[in-house]
Protein backbone atom coordinates (compact mmCIF):
# COMPACT_ATOMS: atom_id res chain seq x y z
CA MET A 1 0.00 0.00 0.00
CA ILE A 2 1.44 3.39 -1.03
CA ILE A 3 0.88 6.16 1.52
CA THR A 4 1.74 9.79 0.93
CA LYS A 5 4.16 10.89 3.64
CA GLN A 6 3.18 13.79 5.89
CA TYR A 7 5.82 14.92 8.37
CA ARG A 8 4.08 18.05 9.60
CA CYS A 9 0.65 18.61 11.07
CA ILE A 10 -1.66 19.48 8.19
CA HIS A 11 -4.26 21.12 10.43
CA SER A 12 -2.72 23.35 13.07
CA ALA A 13 0.37 25.56 13.14
CA THR A 14 0.40 25.43 16.94
CA CYS A 15 0.41 21.63 17.11
CA GLN A 16 3.44 19.97 18.67
CA CYS A 17 3.74 17.86 15.51
CA THR A 18 5.58 20.72 13.85
CA LYS A 19 8.63 19.40 15.69
CA GLY A 20 8.43 16.22 13.63
CA HIS A 21 7.30 12.65 14.32
CA LEU A 22 7.15 9.19 12.76
CA SER A 23 6.06 8.94 9.15
CA GLU A 24 2.71 7.44 8.12
CA ASP A 25 4.51 4.39 6.74
CA VAL A 26 5.96 3.54 10.15
CA ILE A 27 2.67 4.13 11.99
CA PHE A 28 0.87 1.95 9.44
CA LEU A 29 3.29 -0.92 10.00
CA VAL A 30 3.06 -0.59 13.80
CA PHE A 31 -0.74 -0.82 13.77
CA HIS A 32 -0.65 -3.64 11.26
CA HIS A 33 1.49 -5.54 13.78
CA LEU A 34 -1.08 -4.67 16.49
CA ASN A 35 -3.88 -6.06 14.27
CA TRP A 36 -5.53 -2.63 14.11
CA ASN A 37 -6.40 -2.55 17.82
CA PRO A 38 -9.37 -0.13 18.06
CA LYS A 39 -8.54 1.09 21.58
CA LEU A 40 -5.03 2.06 20.49
CA ILE A 41 -6.34 3.72 17.32
CA ALA A 42 -8.72 5.80 19.46
CA THR A 43 -5.86 6.69 21.81
CA LEU A 44 -3.63 7.79 18.93
CA SER A 45 -6.46 9.97 17.57
CA CYS A 46 -6.42 11.99 20.78
CA VAL A 47 -2.76 12.99 20.42
CA CYS A 48 -3.27 15.73 17.85
CA LYS A 49 -5.26 16.65 14.76
CA TRP A 50 -2.64 15.17 12.43
CA PHE A 51 -2.90 11.76 14.09
CA ASP A 52 -6.69 12.05 14.18
CA ASP A 53 -6.78 12.74 10.43
CA PHE A 54 -4.45 9.82 9.72
CA ALA A 55 -6.57 7.50 11.86
CA LYS A 56 -9.75 8.54 10.02
CA ARG A 57 -8.21 8.07 6.57
CA ILE A 58 -6.14 4.93 7.08
CA LEU A 59 -6.27 3.16 10.45
CA TRP A 60 -10.06 2.92 10.89
CA LYS A 61 -10.38 1.83 7.28
CA GLU A 62 -7.93 -1.03 7.82
CA PHE A 63 -9.67 -1.93 11.08
CA CYS A 64 -13.01 -2.25 9.26
CA ARG A 65 -11.44 -4.30 6.47
CA THR A 66 -9.92 -6.68 9.01
CA ARG A 67 -12.97 -6.99 11.24
CA ALA A 68 -15.57 -7.46 8.45
CA PRO A 69 -13.71 -8.17 5.16
CA LYS A 70 -16.60 -9.55 3.08
CA MET A 71 -18.92 -6.76 4.20
CA MET A 72 -16.33 -4.10 3.30
CA ILE A 73 -15.73 -5.57 -0.15
CA ASP A 74 -19.47 -5.48 -0.81
CA LEU A 75 -19.87 -1.91 0.49
CA GLN A 76 -17.11 -0.73 -1.86
CA SER A 77 -18.08 -2.88 -4.85
CA SER A 78 -19.86 0.07 -6.48
CA GLY A 79 -16.45 1.62 -7.12
CA SER A 80 -16.31 3.94 -4.11
CA HIS A 81 -13.09 4.10 -2.10
CA SER A 82 -15.00 5.34 0.93
CA VAL A 83 -18.24 4.58 2.77
CA ASP A 84 -21.20 6.75 3.71
CA GLY A 85 -20.27 8.81 6.76
CA ASN A 86 -16.62 7.98 7.50
CA TRP A 87 -14.44 5.02 8.44
CA ARG A 88 -14.27 5.95 12.13
CA ALA A 89 -18.07 6.01 12.37
CA LEU A 90 -18.27 2.61 10.70
CA GLY A 91 -15.57 1.21 12.98
CA LYS A 92 -17.54 2.37 16.02
CA LEU A 93 -20.75 0.88 14.63
CA LEU A 94 -19.06 -2.51 14.27
CA ILE A 95 -18.05 -2.73 17.92
CA TYR A 96 -20.29 -0.38 19.93
CA CYS A 97 -23.87 -0.85 21.16
CA SER A 98 -25.23 2.68 21.55
CA GLY A 99 -27.78 1.92 24.28
CA CYS A 100 -30.17 4.78 25.06
CA LYS A 101 -30.84 7.51 27.58
CA LYS A 102 -34.01 8.71 29.25
CA GLY A 103 -35.91 11.14 27.09
CA GLY A 104 -33.82 10.21 24.03
CA LEU A 105 -34.76 8.23 20.94
CA PHE A 106 -36.51 5.45 22.83
CA ASN A 107 -38.53 7.34 25.47
CA ASN A 108 -37.85 6.47 29.10
CA ILE A 109 -35.57 3.47 28.63
CA GLN A 110 -32.06 4.09 30.01
CA ILE A 111 -29.32 1.60 29.19
CA PRO A 112 -25.71 2.81 28.87
CA GLY A 113 -23.81 2.23 25.66
CA HIS A 114 -20.95 -0.24 25.69
CA PHE A 115 -18.39 -1.96 23.50
CA VAL A 116 -19.05 -5.50 22.32
CA TYR A 117 -16.36 -8.06 21.63
CA ARG A 118 -17.87 -9.50 18.47
CA THR A 119 -21.09 -9.01 16.49
CA ARG A 120 -22.37 -10.78 13.40
CA PHE A 121 -23.76 -8.55 10.62
CA SER A 122 -25.96 -10.18 8.00
CA ARG A 123 -27.05 -8.94 4.59
CA THR A 124 -29.72 -11.68 4.46
CA SER A 125 -31.19 -10.51 7.78
CA GLY A 126 -31.27 -6.97 6.42
CA LYS A 127 -33.97 -7.92 3.91
CA SER A 128 -36.35 -8.55 6.82
CA PHE A 129 -36.11 -4.89 7.84
CA LEU A 130 -37.17 -3.53 4.44
CA LEU A 131 -40.61 -3.15 2.89
CA PRO A 132 -41.08 -5.32 -0.26
CA PRO A 133 -40.59 -2.37 -2.71
CA CYS A 134 -37.22 -1.62 -1.07
CA ARG A 135 -35.75 -5.11 -0.91
CA THR A 136 -33.31 -4.53 -3.73
CA ASP A 137 -31.45 -2.23 -1.30
CA VAL A 138 -28.48 -3.69 0.54
CA LEU A 139 -28.71 -3.46 4.32
CA TYR A 140 -26.44 -5.20 6.83
CA VAL A 141 -28.00 -5.72 10.27
CA SER A 142 -26.47 -7.05 13.48
CA ASP A 143 -27.86 -9.69 15.78
CA PRO A 144 -29.63 -8.00 18.73
CA CYS A 145 -27.45 -7.12 21.71
CA GLU A 146 -29.50 -8.51 24.60
CA HIS A 147 -30.10 -6.58 27.83
CA LEU A 148 -32.17 -8.88 30.00
CA HIS A 149 -34.45 -8.22 32.99
CA GLN A 150 -35.09 -4.51 32.43
CA GLY A 151 -37.97 -4.30 34.91
CA GLU A 152 -41.35 -3.51 33.37
CA GLU A 153 -39.71 -3.23 29.95
CA GLY A 154 -38.76 -6.92 30.00
CA ASP A 155 -35.85 -8.18 27.88
CA ILE A 156 -34.52 -5.46 25.58
CA GLY A 157 -32.50 -5.97 22.42
CA PHE A 158 -30.49 -3.30 20.57
CA PHE A 159 -29.51 -3.78 16.95
CA ARG A 160 -27.61 -1.67 14.44
CA GLY A 161 -26.93 -1.72 10.73
CA LEU A 162 -25.59 -0.04 7.63
CA PHE A 163 -26.98 0.59 4.14
CA LYS A 164 -24.85 0.30 1.03
CA SER A 165 -25.01 3.50 -1.07
CA PHE A 166 -27.81 4.94 1.05
CA SER A 167 -27.92 8.18 -0.95
CA THR A 168 -29.31 6.28 -3.95
CA SER A 169 -31.37 3.72 -2.01
CA LYS A 170 -35.11 3.14 -2.39
CA VAL A 171 -35.54 3.49 1.37
CA ARG A 172 -34.23 7.06 1.26
CA LYS A 173 -36.47 7.91 -1.71
CA MET A 174 -39.49 6.48 0.10
CA LEU A 175 -38.70 8.42 3.28
CA ILE A 176 -38.56 11.63 1.26
CA SER A 177 -41.70 10.86 -0.75
CA ARG A 178 -43.62 10.16 2.47
CA GLY A 179 -42.50 13.47 3.94
CA ALA A 180 -40.73 11.83 6.88
CA LYS A 181 -39.37 14.40 9.31
CA LEU A 182 -35.91 14.29 10.87
CA HIS A 183 -35.72 13.98 14.65
CA PRO A 184 -35.64 17.53 16.07
CA THR A 185 -32.92 16.95 18.68
CA GLU A 186 -31.28 13.51 18.59
CA VAL A 187 -28.50 12.55 16.17
CA CYS A 188 -26.77 9.35 15.09
CA PRO A 189 -24.42 8.15 17.87
CA TYR A 190 -21.93 7.01 15.23
CA CYS A 191 -21.62 9.94 12.82
CA LYS A 192 -23.73 12.76 14.41
CA ALA A 193 -26.03 13.01 11.36
CA LYS A 194 -29.79 13.67 11.61
CA LEU A 195 -32.15 10.69 11.99
CA TRP A 196 -35.35 9.51 10.32
CA SER A 197 -37.82 7.41 12.34
CA MET A 198 -38.82 4.33 10.36
CA LEU A 199 -41.73 3.81 12.77
CA GLN A 200 -43.08 7.29 12.18
CA ALA A 201 -42.75 6.76 8.41
CA LYS A 202 -44.63 3.44 8.76
CA MET A 203 -41.79 1.57 7.07
CA ILE A 204 -41.21 -1.27 9.56
CA PRO A 205 -42.41 -4.61 8.12
CA GLN A 206 -43.74 -7.46 10.27
CA SER A 207 -40.82 -9.59 9.13
CA ALA A 208 -38.50 -7.46 11.31
CA SER A 209 -40.05 -8.73 14.54
CA CYS A 210 -39.85 -12.31 13.29
CA ARG A 211 -36.16 -11.92 12.52
CA LEU A 212 -35.44 -10.35 15.92
CA GLY A 213 -37.56 -12.76 17.96
CA SER A 214 -39.56 -9.81 19.25
CA TYR A 215 -43.13 -8.68 19.87
CA GLU A 216 -44.60 -7.22 16.67
CA ASP A 217 -45.54 -3.86 18.18
CA CYS A 218 -42.25 -3.45 20.09
CA VAL A 219 -39.78 -2.84 17.26
CA GLU A 220 -38.49 0.63 16.48
CA TYR A 221 -35.51 1.84 14.49
CA TYR A 222 -33.99 4.95 13.00
CA VAL A 223 -31.85 5.58 9.92
CA CYS A 224 -29.47 8.53 9.69
CA LEU A 225 -28.59 10.58 6.61
CA ASN A 226 -25.45 8.46 6.14
CA GLY A 227 -27.36 5.17 6.21
CA HIS A 228 -26.48 4.00 9.72
CA MET A 229 -29.37 2.19 11.40
CA LEU A 230 -30.00 1.78 15.12
CA GLY A 231 -32.99 0.18 16.75
CA ILE A 232 -34.58 -1.40 19.80
CA CYS A 233 -36.98 -4.27 20.39
CA THR A 234 -38.63 -6.10 23.27
CA LEU A 235 -37.54 -9.72 23.04
CA LEU A 236 -39.99 -12.58 23.36
CA PRO A 237 -39.37 -14.78 26.42
CA LEU A 238 -37.95 -18.22 25.77
CA SER A 239 -40.46 -21.07 25.84
CA ASP A 240 -39.95 -23.98 28.25
CA SER A 241 -38.55 -26.09 25.42
CA GLU A 242 -35.96 -23.40 24.64
CA ASP A 243 -34.85 -22.78 28.22
CA THR A 244 -31.53 -24.33 29.18
CA SER A 245 -31.97 -27.11 31.70
CA GLU A 246 -30.56 -26.50 35.18
CA PHE A 247 -28.87 -29.86 34.90
């Protein structure tokens, strides 16, 4: 991989990087050896604006390619060298469950966000979250992150996803044609873009609850302007035959 060398901070004249530091080639090789550790990438991004820019352009991109290679190949198969939003936002979406706060997107439910070790994203599952006229769109959706025993709310599941080429998708066109309004205050926890409510636009099919293992009237999700999806559902309790035996 050929990387253009930058020895000085390209953003700020007052940055300490003007005194010189390692080249991009060396940093790339170090993080390749570290298998693109996301915690270390985030730490490097806090050093200065030059490192933050390099992490956004290169390190988060390589992290995404390593963590979900087939998904990344598909997302870029249209010829784009980037993704909707940015690579850092996508990297966070792959490993972070956003949770929710009281008075936020999902009313009075309060569950803190947290990092997850591993999540499976499925393009096949994504079809279940689209109305029949929109099922030629490509949507990757995660398995629900389960938060059990949430009092009166029961067992809660959070799920997240990503559209391929959302700007030209049928879902976006339908949202616009239906006059769907953007949320007045809340933004995407991954890229800070405005959000559409799929529930408000009446664009949540019954197949979504079947895929999630949830009550039909307890599924809600949002899609941001960059095509990131985040949602919540109330999970159905396991039947006796599905419960794990004590012995």
